[in-house]
Amino acid sequence: MNKFTKYDTLMNTGLWKSMVFEMVICMVAPYPFLHDKLYVEYVEAYDTKITYQINDLMLFVMFSRIYLPVRFSFYLSNFMNPRT
């Protein structure tokens, strides 16, 4: 863990980059206004169209947030204490 002084801010420590990255990841979620929106892709090899709902794709990306409980459990365990 890093030790910070009272003069350290979010900007001068560089922690704002990871915070913005986490905020963007957490913003990805299925939204009601995208309920009927579709993503259609044509596959030439099979001469067919594949249709996905945008909310289903966003739900798939939303599973990347599994790192949050894992990181929280690391903070509670002996793995992240100052003695290790």
Protein backbone atom coordinates (compact mmCIF):
# COMPACT_ATOMS: atom_id res chain seq x y z
CA MET A 1 0.00 0.00 0.00
CA ASN A 2 1.17 3.47 -0.79
CA LYS A 3 1.60 6.07 1.92
CA PHE A 4 0.34 9.51 1.04
CA THR A 5 0.87 12.86 2.69
CA LYS A 6 -1.70 15.56 3.22
CA TYR A 7 -0.33 17.37 0.16
CA ASP A 8 -1.06 14.49 -2.20
CA THR A 9 -4.12 14.80 -4.36
CA LEU A 10 -5.83 12.59 -6.89
CA MET A 11 -4.14 14.48 -9.71
CA ASN A 12 -0.52 14.59 -8.53
CA THR A 13 -0.45 10.92 -7.46
CA GLY A 14 -1.75 9.72 -10.84
CA LEU A 15 -4.57 7.72 -9.25
CA TRP A 16 -7.14 9.55 -11.38
CA LYS A 17 -6.25 7.35 -14.39
CA SER A 18 -7.26 4.12 -12.72
CA MET A 19 -10.33 5.78 -11.21
CA VAL A 20 -11.57 6.95 -14.63
CA PHE A 21 -10.91 3.47 -16.06
CA GLU A 22 -12.98 1.86 -13.29
CA MET A 23 -15.77 4.39 -13.75
CA VAL A 24 -16.00 3.60 -17.47
CA ILE A 25 -16.07 -0.14 -16.77
CA CYS A 26 -18.80 0.30 -14.16
CA MET A 27 -20.90 2.44 -16.52
CA VAL A 28 -21.33 -0.45 -18.94
CA ALA A 29 -24.66 -2.05 -18.12
CA PRO A 30 -27.89 -2.94 -19.93
CA TYR A 31 -30.09 0.13 -20.26
CA PRO A 32 -33.87 0.26 -20.82
CA PHE A 33 -33.63 2.70 -23.74
CA LEU A 34 -31.52 0.12 -25.65
CA HIS A 35 -34.14 -2.61 -25.29
CA ASP A 36 -35.09 -2.86 -28.98
CA LYS A 37 -31.73 -1.91 -30.48
CA LEU A 38 -29.99 -4.61 -32.49
CA TYR A 39 -26.51 -5.20 -33.86
CA VAL A 40 -26.60 -7.10 -37.16
CA GLU A 41 -23.51 -8.65 -38.70
CA TYR A 42 -23.32 -10.43 -42.01
CA VAL A 43 -21.08 -13.52 -42.21
CA GLU A 44 -19.95 -14.13 -45.78
CA ALA A 45 -18.53 -17.57 -45.08
CA TYR A 46 -21.97 -18.95 -44.17
CA ASP A 47 -24.06 -16.43 -46.14
CA THR A 48 -26.10 -15.51 -43.08
CA LYS A 49 -26.83 -12.62 -40.78
CA ILE A 50 -26.25 -12.77 -37.05
CA THR A 51 -28.36 -10.51 -34.86
CA TYR A 52 -27.44 -9.50 -31.33
CA GLN A 53 -29.29 -7.29 -28.91
CA ILE A 54 -27.15 -4.40 -27.70
CA ASN A 55 -28.16 -5.08 -24.09
CA ASP A 56 -26.93 -8.66 -24.35
CA LEU A 57 -23.54 -7.48 -25.56
CA MET A 58 -23.36 -4.94 -22.74
CA LEU A 59 -24.28 -7.64 -20.25
CA PHE A 60 -21.41 -9.76 -21.55
CA VAL A 61 -18.98 -6.85 -21.06
CA MET A 62 -20.45 -6.20 -17.62
CA PHE A 63 -18.98 -9.49 -16.37
CA SER A 64 -15.57 -7.81 -16.44
CA ARG A 65 -16.58 -6.21 -13.14
CA ILE A 66 -15.87 -9.48 -11.34
CA TYR A 67 -12.53 -7.94 -10.38
CA LEU A 68 -14.27 -5.74 -7.77
CA PRO A 69 -15.12 -8.50 -5.24
CA VAL A 70 -11.75 -10.15 -5.89
CA ARG A 71 -9.89 -6.92 -5.15
CA PHE A 72 -12.02 -6.34 -2.05
CA SER A 73 -11.22 -9.82 -0.73
CA PHE A 74 -7.50 -9.14 -1.27
CA TYR A 75 -7.78 -6.00 0.84
CA LEU A 76 -9.40 -7.99 3.65
CA SER A 77 -6.94 -10.85 3.53
CA ASN A 78 -3.41 -11.18 4.86
CA PHE A 79 -2.16 -10.93 1.28
CA MET A 80 -2.36 -7.11 1.22
CA ASN A 81 -1.34 -6.20 4.75
CA PRO A 82 1.86 -4.19 5.34
CA ARG A 83 3.64 -7.15 6.94
CA THR A 84 3.67 -9.22 3.73
